[in-house]
Amino acid sequence: MERRHPDEIERSVEQNVTTIKNAGFDGISTSCIDPAGVELIAHALVGTGLLVEGMCFPQTIDDLKAAIDLARQLGALHLNVQPDVRPRRVADCIPLLEGWIRVAEDARMPIYFETHRNRMTTDLLFTLDLIEQVPSMRMLADLSHVLVGREFWCPISDEDDGLVRQVLDRAWAFHGRVASREQIQVEITFPQHKVWLDLFLRWWDYGFRSWRKRAGPDALLSFACELGPRPYAITDREGNDTTNRWEEALLIKSLVRDIFERAAVEAQPSLKQDWLA
């Protein structure tokens, strides 16, 4: 929802929340780091009925405890955890992961670890090793980071596709942007990027079906249409976005909702999905 355009005009939190609500989203994804920011968001959400996915970037166990306290102020469904530490050995990650999971369980706050560059989960193969060593580790799949990090060719090989599916088989939430093998966020309305959009739609379809097999009958699945401003967004010479990211977020919501609802034919009809902006 940030613009970060050269004109330096930004909408207020209240304007953003109203825009999200009016567009038919079910909730928002927001940081749970700054108490003042959380208070501002909480005030803007009053009476909207919008759900919340919290985000945090812990380096220590106590960092997660503080984020959980802020997430509770927003009534967050779960916390998206980007572990802001980069050990070189899997063994050095395990105590932190197990500690975070234990703290979250004690607080009864679901946490999902996001696949994200410059985090503990920056590399796909390393992340799969973490999952193998810590079976209770639940993932939030942002596959744009996976694709750019590994520079998969397109069409993707069966071997690489199988690696991605291992993450999807442990994913309990999703962040939705489309990447190419060289760019973290491409313009999905440009025809040259359709091959990447089709790849991500196929991955999300598999991920939704996998989730349905694991989730309970009243479970909620969160999918955040996460089209970031620059430097995520590609910009022109003047620093303006090359496309309207809000319109592309609405397009992603429509495409992905169709996929999810088609998959519902093969699963329990009571399962629901929340759409976050």
C-alpha atoms as a PDB file:
ATOM      1  CA  MET A   1       0.000   0.000   0.000  1.00  0.00           C
ATOM      2  CA  GLU A   2       3.036   2.284   0.102  1.00  0.00           C
ATOM      3  CA  ARG A   3       3.624   4.390  -3.015  1.00  0.00           C
ATOM      4  CA  ARG A   4       7.216   5.615  -2.593  1.00  0.00           C
ATOM      5  CA  HIS A   5       6.830   7.751  -5.701  1.00  0.00           C
ATOM      6  CA  PRO A   6       8.929  10.844  -6.479  1.00  0.00           C
ATOM      7  CA  ASP A   7       5.969  13.111  -5.582  1.00  0.00           C
ATOM      8  CA  GLU A   8       6.342  11.808  -1.986  1.00  0.00           C
ATOM      9  CA  ILE A   9       2.554  11.566  -1.602  1.00  0.00           C
ATOM     10  CA  GLU A  10       1.461   8.745   0.705  1.00  0.00           C
ATOM     11  CA  ARG A  11      -2.038   7.780   1.723  1.00  0.00           C
ATOM     12  CA  SER A  12      -2.916   7.651   5.406  1.00  0.00           C
ATOM     13  CA  VAL A  13      -3.317   4.346   7.237  1.00  0.00           C
ATOM     14  CA  GLU A  14      -7.057   5.015   7.446  1.00  0.00           C
ATOM     15  CA  GLN A  15      -7.272   5.599   3.690  1.00  0.00           C
ATOM     16  CA  ASN A  16      -5.371   2.404   2.981  1.00  0.00           C
ATOM     17  CA  VAL A  17      -7.562   0.344   5.305  1.00  0.00           C
ATOM     18  CA  THR A  18     -10.718   1.758   3.714  1.00  0.00           C
ATOM     19  CA  THR A  19      -9.394   1.033   0.218  1.00  0.00           C
ATOM     20  CA  ILE A  20      -8.542  -2.550   1.193  1.00  0.00           C
ATOM     21  CA  LYS A  21     -11.950  -3.116   2.764  1.00  0.00           C
ATOM     22  CA  ASN A  22     -13.853  -1.638  -0.185  1.00  0.00           C
ATOM     23  CA  ALA A  23     -11.904  -3.817  -2.638  1.00  0.00           C
ATOM     24  CA  GLY A  24     -13.205  -7.000  -1.044  1.00  0.00           C
ATOM     25  CA  PHE A  25     -10.106  -8.121   0.813  1.00  0.00           C
ATOM     26  CA  ASP A  26     -10.678  -9.953   4.088  1.00  0.00           C
ATOM     27  CA  GLY A  27      -7.689  -8.544   5.921  1.00  0.00           C
ATOM     28  CA  ILE A  28      -4.246  -6.994   5.943  1.00  0.00           C
ATOM     29  CA  SER A  29      -0.666  -8.069   6.467  1.00  0.00           C
ATOM     30  CA  THR A  30       1.292  -5.684   8.689  1.00  0.00           C
ATOM     31  CA  SER A  31       4.440  -5.442  10.786  1.00  0.00           C
ATOM     32  CA  CYS A  32       4.335  -6.157  14.513  1.00  0.00           C
ATOM     33  CA  ILE A  33       7.568  -4.423  15.457  1.00  0.00           C
ATOM     34  CA  ASP A  34       6.822  -0.801  16.337  1.00  0.00           C
ATOM     35  CA  PRO A  35       4.298  -0.282  19.189  1.00  0.00           C
ATOM     36  CA  ALA A  36       3.249   3.139  17.900  1.00  0.00           C
ATOM     37  CA  GLY A  37       2.644   1.771  14.423  1.00  0.00           C
ATOM     38  CA  VAL A  38       0.625  -1.141  15.767  1.00  0.00           C
ATOM     39  CA  GLU A  39      -1.502   1.245  17.822  1.00  0.00           C
ATOM     40  CA  LEU A  40      -2.206   3.320  14.711  1.00  0.00           C
ATOM     41  CA  ILE A  41      -3.191   0.236  12.708  1.00  0.00           C
ATOM     42  CA  ALA A  42      -5.373  -1.080  15.529  1.00  0.00           C
ATOM     43  CA  HIS A  43      -7.272   2.203  15.659  1.00  0.00           C
ATOM     44  CA  ALA A  44      -7.809   2.204  11.881  1.00  0.00           C
ATOM     45  CA  LEU A  45      -9.133  -1.364  11.944  1.00  0.00           C
ATOM     46  CA  VAL A  46     -11.877  -0.717  14.505  1.00  0.00           C
ATOM     47  CA  GLY A  47     -15.259  -1.622  13.062  1.00  0.00           C
ATOM     48  CA  THR A  48     -13.876  -2.913   9.749  1.00  0.00           C
ATOM     49  CA  GLY A  49     -13.976  -6.624  10.503  1.00  0.00           C
ATOM     50  CA  LEU A  50     -10.652  -7.036   8.708  1.00  0.00           C
ATOM     51  CA  LEU A  51      -8.383  -9.865   9.811  1.00  0.00           C
ATOM     52  CA  VAL A  52      -4.650  -9.457  10.406  1.00  0.00           C
ATOM     53  CA  GLU A  53      -1.485 -11.319   9.541  1.00  0.00           C
ATOM     54  CA  GLY A  54       1.390 -10.049  11.679  1.00  0.00           C
ATOM     55  CA  MET A  55       4.997  -9.929  10.504  1.00  0.00           C
ATOM     56  CA  CYS A  56       8.206  -9.888  12.531  1.00  0.00           C
ATOM     57  CA  PHE A  57      11.947 -10.232  12.049  1.00  0.00           C
ATOM     58  CA  PRO A  58      13.329 -11.781  15.240  1.00  0.00           C
ATOM     59  CA  GLN A  59      17.003 -12.237  15.976  1.00  0.00           C
ATOM     60  CA  THR A  60      16.449 -13.637  19.472  1.00  0.00           C
ATOM     61  CA  ILE A  61      13.796 -15.547  21.400  1.00  0.00           C
ATOM     62  CA  ASP A  62      12.816 -12.378  23.270  1.00  0.00           C
ATOM     63  CA  ASP A  63      12.262 -10.575  19.948  1.00  0.00           C
ATOM     64  CA  LEU A  64       9.487 -13.021  19.135  1.00  0.00           C
ATOM     65  CA  LYS A  65       7.923 -12.603  22.575  1.00  0.00           C
ATOM     66  CA  ALA A  66       7.673  -8.850  21.970  1.00  0.00           C
ATOM     67  CA  ALA A  67       6.174  -9.374  18.500  1.00  0.00           C
ATOM     68  CA  ILE A  68       3.574 -11.764  19.896  1.00  0.00           C
ATOM     69  CA  ASP A  69       2.496  -9.138  22.433  1.00  0.00           C
ATOM     70  CA  LEU A  70       1.970  -6.614  19.631  1.00  0.00           C
ATOM     71  CA  ALA A  71       0.226  -9.173  17.412  1.00  0.00           C
ATOM     72  CA  ARG A  72      -2.279  -9.822  20.184  1.00  0.00           C
ATOM     73  CA  GLN A  73      -3.202  -6.128  20.167  1.00  0.00           C
ATOM     74  CA  LEU A  74      -4.275  -6.615  16.552  1.00  0.00           C
ATOM     75  CA  GLY A  75      -5.954  -9.969  17.139  1.00  0.00           C
ATOM     76  CA  ALA A  76      -3.598 -11.474  14.557  1.00  0.00           C
ATOM     77  CA  LEU A  77      -4.436 -14.839  13.010  1.00  0.00           C
ATOM     78  CA  HIS A  78      -0.745 -15.726  12.984  1.00  0.00           C
ATOM     79  CA  LEU A  79       2.742 -14.258  12.841  1.00  0.00           C
ATOM     80  CA  ASN A  80       4.854 -14.440   9.741  1.00  0.00           C
ATOM     81  CA  VAL A  81       8.405 -14.936  11.015  1.00  0.00           C
ATOM     82  CA  GLN A  82      11.411 -13.868   8.947  1.00  0.00           C
ATOM     83  CA  PRO A  83      14.359 -15.110  11.033  1.00  0.00           C
ATOM     84  CA  ASP A  84      16.827 -12.227  10.841  1.00  0.00           C
ATOM     85  CA  VAL A  85      19.893 -14.367  11.515  1.00  0.00           C
ATOM     86  CA  ARG A  86      22.077 -16.213   9.023  1.00  0.00           C
ATOM     87  CA  PRO A  87      23.977 -19.133  10.595  1.00  0.00           C
ATOM     88  CA  ARG A  88      26.092 -21.135   8.187  1.00  0.00           C
ATOM     89  CA  ARG A  89      25.255 -24.487   9.781  1.00  0.00           C
ATOM     90  CA  VAL A  90      21.851 -26.104  10.169  1.00  0.00           C
ATOM     91  CA  ALA A  91      22.829 -27.217  13.669  1.00  0.00           C
ATOM     92  CA  ASP A  92      23.223 -23.602  14.754  1.00  0.00           C
ATOM     93  CA  CYS A  93      19.689 -22.776  13.595  1.00  0.00           C
ATOM     94  CA  ILE A  94      17.904 -25.554  15.438  1.00  0.00           C
ATOM     95  CA  PRO A  95      18.002 -24.052  18.971  1.00  0.00           C
ATOM     96  CA  LEU A  96      16.528 -20.792  17.694  1.00  0.00           C
ATOM     97  CA  LEU A  97      13.809 -22.465  15.639  1.00  0.00           C
ATOM     98  CA  GLU A  98      12.809 -24.779  18.469  1.00  0.00           C
ATOM     99  CA  GLY A  99      12.872 -21.877  20.915  1.00  0.00           C
ATOM    100  CA  TRP A 100      10.622 -19.733  18.728  1.00  0.00           C
ATOM    101  CA  ILE A 101       8.211 -22.620  18.191  1.00  0.00           C
ATOM    102  CA  ARG A 102       8.079 -23.311  21.933  1.00  0.00           C
ATOM    103  CA  VAL A 103       7.397 -19.649  22.762  1.00  0.00           C
ATOM    104  CA  ALA A 104       4.634 -19.484  20.136  1.00  0.00           C
ATOM    105  CA  GLU A 105       3.013 -22.666  21.402  1.00  0.00           C
ATOM    106  CA  ASP A 106       3.033 -21.350  24.973  1.00  0.00           C
ATOM    107  CA  ALA A 107       1.439 -18.118  23.764  1.00  0.00           C
ATOM    108  CA  ARG A 108      -1.015 -19.968  21.511  1.00  0.00           C
ATOM    109  CA  MET A 109       0.051 -17.815  18.579  1.00  0.00           C
ATOM    110  CA  PRO A 110       0.602 -19.723  15.299  1.00  0.00           C
ATOM    111  CA  ILE A 111       3.873 -18.811  13.608  1.00  0.00           C
ATOM    112  CA  TYR A 112       4.972 -19.568  10.060  1.00  0.00           C
ATOM    113  CA  PHE A 113       8.529 -19.174   8.805  1.00  0.00           C
ATOM    114  CA  GLU A 114       8.739 -17.328   5.506  1.00  0.00           C
ATOM    115  CA  THR A 115      10.995 -18.288   2.628  1.00  0.00           C
ATOM    116  CA  HIS A 116      12.864 -15.026   2.218  1.00  0.00           C
ATOM    117  CA  ARG A 117      16.218 -13.785   0.981  1.00  0.00           C
ATOM    118  CA  ASN A 118      18.783 -12.465   3.479  1.00  0.00           C
ATOM    119  CA  ARG A 119      17.146 -14.487   6.239  1.00  0.00           C
ATOM    120  CA  MET A 120      17.792 -17.904   7.765  1.00  0.00           C
ATOM    121  CA  THR A 121      15.595 -19.276   4.969  1.00  0.00           C
ATOM    122  CA  THR A 122      17.447 -17.495   2.160  1.00  0.00           C
ATOM    123  CA  ASP A 123      18.465 -20.711   0.365  1.00  0.00           C
ATOM    124  CA  LEU A 124      15.966 -23.347  -0.702  1.00  0.00           C
ATOM    125  CA  LEU A 125      18.178 -26.362  -0.057  1.00  0.00           C
ATOM    126  CA  PHE A 126      19.263 -25.059   3.358  1.00  0.00           C
ATOM    127  CA  THR A 127      15.611 -24.426   4.208  1.00  0.00           C
ATOM    128  CA  LEU A 128      14.669 -27.980   3.242  1.00  0.00           C
ATOM    129  CA  ASP A 129      17.418 -29.217   5.558  1.00  0.00           C
ATOM    130  CA  LEU A 130      15.920 -27.089   8.350  1.00  0.00           C
ATOM    131  CA  ILE A 131      12.474 -28.560   7.724  1.00  0.00           C
ATOM    132  CA  GLU A 132      13.923 -32.054   7.870  1.00  0.00           C
ATOM    133  CA  GLN A 133      15.643 -31.379  11.194  1.00  0.00           C
ATOM    134  CA  VAL A 134      12.735 -29.462  12.763  1.00  0.00           C
ATOM    135  CA  PRO A 135       9.546 -31.296  11.734  1.00  0.00           C
ATOM    136  CA  SER A 136       7.322 -28.872  13.677  1.00  0.00           C
ATOM    137  CA  MET A 137       8.488 -25.975  11.481  1.00  0.00           C
ATOM    138  CA  ARG A 138       5.551 -24.599   9.463  1.00  0.00           C
ATOM    139  CA  MET A 139       6.261 -22.476   6.408  1.00  0.00           C
ATOM    140  CA  LEU A 140       4.859 -19.378   4.775  1.00  0.00           C
ATOM    141  CA  ALA A 141       5.565 -19.731   1.070  1.00  0.00           C
ATOM    142  CA  ASP A 142       6.818 -16.649  -0.723  1.00  0.00           C
ATOM    143  CA  LEU A 143       8.063 -18.432  -3.809  1.00  0.00           C
ATOM    144  CA  SER A 144       9.351 -15.285  -5.474  1.00  0.00           C
ATOM    145  CA  HIS A 145      12.381 -15.459  -3.180  1.00  0.00           C
ATOM    146  CA  VAL A 146      12.846 -19.146  -3.934  1.00  0.00           C
ATOM    147  CA  LEU A 147      12.784 -18.604  -7.695  1.00  0.00           C
ATOM    148  CA  VAL A 148      15.196 -15.663  -7.708  1.00  0.00           C
ATOM    149  CA  GLY A 149      17.471 -17.302  -5.163  1.00  0.00           C
ATOM    150  CA  ARG A 150      17.905 -20.462  -7.245  1.00  0.00           C
ATOM    151  CA  GLU A 151      17.543 -18.841 -10.700  1.00  0.00           C
ATOM    152  CA  PHE A 152      15.413 -21.704 -11.956  1.00  0.00           C
ATOM    153  CA  TRP A 153      15.166 -21.985 -15.729  1.00  0.00           C
ATOM    154  CA  CYS A 154      11.768 -21.910 -17.366  1.00  0.00           C
ATOM    155  CA  PRO A 155      10.331 -24.370 -18.123  1.00  0.00           C
ATOM    156  CA  ILE A 156      11.227 -25.590 -14.666  1.00  0.00           C
ATOM    157  CA  SER A 157      12.699 -29.058 -14.404  1.00  0.00           C
ATOM    158  CA  ASP A 158      10.915 -31.876 -12.606  1.00  0.00           C
ATOM    159  CA  GLU A 159      13.714 -31.949 -10.039  1.00  0.00           C
ATOM    160  CA  ASP A 160      13.433 -28.244  -9.212  1.00  0.00           C
ATOM    161  CA  ASP A 161       9.653 -28.379  -9.219  1.00  0.00           C
ATOM    162  CA  GLY A 162       9.858 -31.214  -6.725  1.00  0.00           C
ATOM    163  CA  LEU A 163      12.001 -29.098  -4.407  1.00  0.00           C
ATOM    164  CA  VAL A 164       9.448 -26.293  -4.479  1.00  0.00           C
ATOM    165  CA  ARG A 165       6.652 -28.737  -3.772  1.00  0.00           C
ATOM    166  CA  GLN A 166       8.447 -29.830  -0.606  1.00  0.00           C
ATOM    167  CA  VAL A 167       8.036 -26.282   0.673  1.00  0.00           C
ATOM    168  CA  LEU A 168       4.418 -26.138  -0.490  1.00  0.00           C
ATOM    169  CA  ASP A 169       3.687 -29.366   1.361  1.00  0.00           C
ATOM    170  CA  ARG A 170       4.688 -27.543   4.572  1.00  0.00           C
ATOM    171  CA  ALA A 171       3.090 -24.178   3.734  1.00  0.00           C
ATOM    172  CA  TRP A 172       0.285 -22.861   5.938  1.00  0.00           C
ATOM    173  CA  ALA A 173       0.074 -19.373   4.386  1.00  0.00           C
ATOM    174  CA  PHE A 174       1.220 -17.627   1.223  1.00  0.00           C
ATOM    175  CA  HIS A 175       2.617 -14.339   0.015  1.00  0.00           C
ATOM    176  CA  GLY A 176       1.755 -13.601  -3.587  1.00  0.00           C
ATOM    177  CA  ARG A 177       4.033 -11.832  -5.986  1.00  0.00           C
ATOM    178  CA  VAL A 178       5.363 -13.125  -9.287  1.00  0.00           C
ATOM    179  CA  ALA A 179       9.095 -13.231  -9.972  1.00  0.00           C
ATOM    180  CA  SER A 180      11.253 -14.196 -12.908  1.00  0.00           C
ATOM    181  CA  ARG A 181      14.574 -15.974 -12.518  1.00  0.00           C
ATOM    182  CA  GLU A 182      16.286 -12.543 -12.434  1.00  0.00           C
ATOM    183  CA  GLN A 183      13.685 -10.144 -10.967  1.00  0.00           C
ATOM    184  CA  ILE A 184      11.921 -10.439  -7.627  1.00  0.00           C
ATOM    185  CA  GLN A 185       8.712  -8.744  -8.818  1.00  0.00           C
ATOM    186  CA  VAL A 186       7.693  -8.543 -12.463  1.00  0.00           C
ATOM    187  CA  GLU A 187       4.738  -6.772 -14.042  1.00  0.00           C
ATOM    188  CA  ILE A 188       2.151  -9.532 -14.401  1.00  0.00           C
ATOM    189  CA  THR A 189       0.181  -7.617 -17.047  1.00  0.00           C
ATOM    190  CA  PHE A 190       3.150  -7.530 -19.438  1.00  0.00           C
ATOM    191  CA  PRO A 191       2.825 -10.339 -22.017  1.00  0.00           C
ATOM    192  CA  GLN A 192       6.503 -11.317 -21.774  1.00  0.00           C
ATOM    193  CA  HIS A 193       5.940 -12.243 -18.125  1.00  0.00           C
ATOM    194  CA  LYS A 194       2.951 -14.530 -18.679  1.00  0.00           C
ATOM    195  CA  VAL A 195       5.184 -17.597 -18.547  1.00  0.00           C
ATOM    196  CA  TRP A 196       6.164 -16.665 -14.977  1.00  0.00           C
ATOM    197  CA  LEU A 197       2.613 -15.824 -13.952  1.00  0.00           C
ATOM    198  CA  ASP A 198       1.454 -19.229 -15.218  1.00  0.00           C
ATOM    199  CA  LEU A 199       4.232 -20.935 -13.234  1.00  0.00           C
ATOM    200  CA  PHE A 200       3.230 -19.239  -9.998  1.00  0.00           C
ATOM    201  CA  LEU A 201      -0.452 -19.932 -10.537  1.00  0.00           C
ATOM    202  CA  ARG A 202       0.420 -23.606 -10.963  1.00  0.00           C
ATOM    203  CA  TRP A 203       2.520 -23.592  -7.799  1.00  0.00           C
ATOM    204  CA  TRP A 204      -0.232 -21.881  -5.803  1.00  0.00           C
ATOM    205  CA  ASP A 205      -2.791 -24.353  -7.104  1.00  0.00           C
ATOM    206  CA  TYR A 206      -0.632 -27.236  -5.879  1.00  0.00           C
ATOM    207  CA  GLY A 207      -0.045 -25.476  -2.562  1.00  0.00           C
ATOM    208  CA  PHE A 208      -3.758 -24.918  -1.945  1.00  0.00           C
ATOM    209  CA  ARG A 209      -4.562 -28.548  -2.671  1.00  0.00           C
ATOM    210  CA  SER A 210      -1.760 -29.702  -0.395  1.00  0.00           C
ATOM    211  CA  TRP A 211      -2.996 -27.409   2.379  1.00  0.00           C
ATOM    212  CA  ARG A 212      -6.534 -28.745   2.078  1.00  0.00           C
ATOM    213  CA  LYS A 213      -5.273 -32.261   2.770  1.00  0.00           C
ATOM    214  CA  ARG A 214      -3.631 -31.109   6.017  1.00  0.00           C
ATOM    215  CA  ALA A 215      -5.963 -28.403   7.315  1.00  0.00           C
ATOM    216  CA  GLY A 216      -8.927 -28.892   9.596  1.00  0.00           C
ATOM    217  CA  PRO A 217     -12.515 -28.370   8.444  1.00  0.00           C
ATOM    218  CA  ASP A 218     -12.702 -24.847   9.928  1.00  0.00           C
ATOM    219  CA  ALA A 219      -9.177 -23.745   8.979  1.00  0.00           C
ATOM    220  CA  LEU A 220      -8.366 -20.365   7.452  1.00  0.00           C
ATOM    221  CA  LEU A 221      -5.799 -19.946   4.701  1.00  0.00           C
ATOM    222  CA  SER A 222      -4.197 -16.522   4.308  1.00  0.00           C
ATOM    223  CA  PHE A 223      -2.879 -15.312   0.966  1.00  0.00           C
ATOM    224  CA  ALA A 224      -1.351 -11.822   0.955  1.00  0.00           C
ATOM    225  CA  CYS A 225      -1.194 -10.060  -2.412  1.00  0.00           C
ATOM    226  CA  GLU A 226       2.210  -8.580  -1.655  1.00  0.00           C
ATOM    227  CA  LEU A 227       3.281  -6.265  -4.457  1.00  0.00           C
ATOM    228  CA  GLY A 228       5.929  -4.103  -2.848  1.00  0.00           C
ATOM    229  CA  PRO A 229       7.004  -0.574  -3.774  1.00  0.00           C
ATOM    230  CA  ARG A 230      10.506   0.163  -5.012  1.00  0.00           C
ATOM    231  CA  PRO A 231      13.027  -1.390  -4.803  1.00  0.00           C
ATOM    232  CA  TYR A 232      10.739  -4.432  -5.227  1.00  0.00           C
ATOM    233  CA  ALA A 233       8.762  -2.742  -7.976  1.00  0.00           C
ATOM    234  CA  ILE A 234      10.559  -2.004 -11.235  1.00  0.00           C
ATOM    235  CA  THR A 235      10.526   1.751 -11.859  1.00  0.00           C
ATOM    236  CA  ASP A 236      11.117   4.105 -14.788  1.00  0.00           C
ATOM    237  CA  ARG A 237      13.793   6.787 -15.121  1.00  0.00           C
ATOM    238  CA  GLU A 238      11.848   9.144 -12.847  1.00  0.00           C
ATOM    239  CA  GLY A 239      11.297   6.526 -10.157  1.00  0.00           C
ATOM    240  CA  ASN A 240       7.623   5.813 -10.882  1.00  0.00           C
ATOM    241  CA  ASP A 241       6.179   2.297 -11.032  1.00  0.00           C
ATOM    242  CA  THR A 242       5.958   0.871 -14.548  1.00  0.00           C
ATOM    243  CA  THR A 243       2.477  -0.494 -13.774  1.00  0.00           C
ATOM    244  CA  ASN A 244      -0.327   0.152 -11.284  1.00  0.00           C
ATOM    245  CA  ARG A 245       0.529  -2.229  -8.435  1.00  0.00           C
ATOM    246  CA  TRP A 246      -2.898  -1.880  -6.846  1.00  0.00           C
ATOM    247  CA  GLU A 247      -4.630  -2.982 -10.040  1.00  0.00           C
ATOM    248  CA  GLU A 248      -2.218  -5.907 -10.325  1.00  0.00           C
ATOM    249  CA  ALA A 249      -2.923  -6.874  -6.701  1.00  0.00           C
ATOM    250  CA  LEU A 250      -6.633  -6.982  -7.529  1.00  0.00           C
ATOM    251  CA  LEU A 251      -5.846  -9.153 -10.546  1.00  0.00           C
ATOM    252  CA  ILE A 252      -3.823 -11.567  -8.415  1.00  0.00           C
ATOM    253  CA  LYS A 253      -6.682 -11.747  -5.912  1.00  0.00           C
ATOM    254  CA  SER A 254      -9.130 -12.612  -8.676  1.00  0.00           C
ATOM    255  CA  LEU A 255      -6.903 -15.227 -10.319  1.00  0.00           C
ATOM    256  CA  VAL A 256      -5.925 -16.903  -7.075  1.00  0.00           C
ATOM    257  CA  ARG A 257      -9.433 -16.903  -5.655  1.00  0.00           C
ATOM    258  CA  ASP A 258     -10.592 -18.725  -8.789  1.00  0.00           C
ATOM    259  CA  ILE A 259      -7.887 -21.344  -8.296  1.00  0.00           C
ATOM    260  CA  PHE A 260      -8.786 -21.806  -4.659  1.00  0.00           C
ATOM    261  CA  GLU A 261     -12.491 -22.139  -5.354  1.00  0.00           C
ATOM    262  CA  ARG A 262     -11.938 -24.641  -8.165  1.00  0.00           C
ATOM    263  CA  ALA A 263      -9.878 -26.740  -5.792  1.00  0.00           C
ATOM    264  CA  ALA A 264     -12.745 -26.616  -3.303  1.00  0.00           C
ATOM    265  CA  VAL A 265     -14.754 -28.935  -5.525  1.00  0.00           C
ATOM    266  CA  GLU A 266     -12.327 -31.693  -4.571  1.00  0.00           C
ATOM    267  CA  ALA A 267     -12.213 -30.907  -0.861  1.00  0.00           C
ATOM    268  CA  GLN A 268     -14.387 -30.025   2.093  1.00  0.00           C
ATOM    269  CA  PRO A 269     -16.730 -27.178   1.156  1.00  0.00           C
ATOM    270  CA  SER A 270     -16.505 -25.631   4.640  1.00  0.00           C
ATOM    271  CA  LEU A 271     -12.862 -24.591   4.283  1.00  0.00           C
ATOM    272  CA  LYS A 272     -12.412 -20.844   3.869  1.00  0.00           C
ATOM    273  CA  GLN A 273      -9.740 -18.437   2.647  1.00  0.00           C
ATOM    274  CA  ASP A 274      -8.811 -14.914   3.763  1.00  0.00           C
ATOM    275  CA  TRP A 275      -7.434 -12.386   1.294  1.00  0.00           C
ATOM    276  CA  LEU A 276      -4.959  -9.908   2.706  1.00  0.00           C
ATOM    277  CA  ALA A 277      -3.463  -6.750   1.254  1.00  0.00           C
END
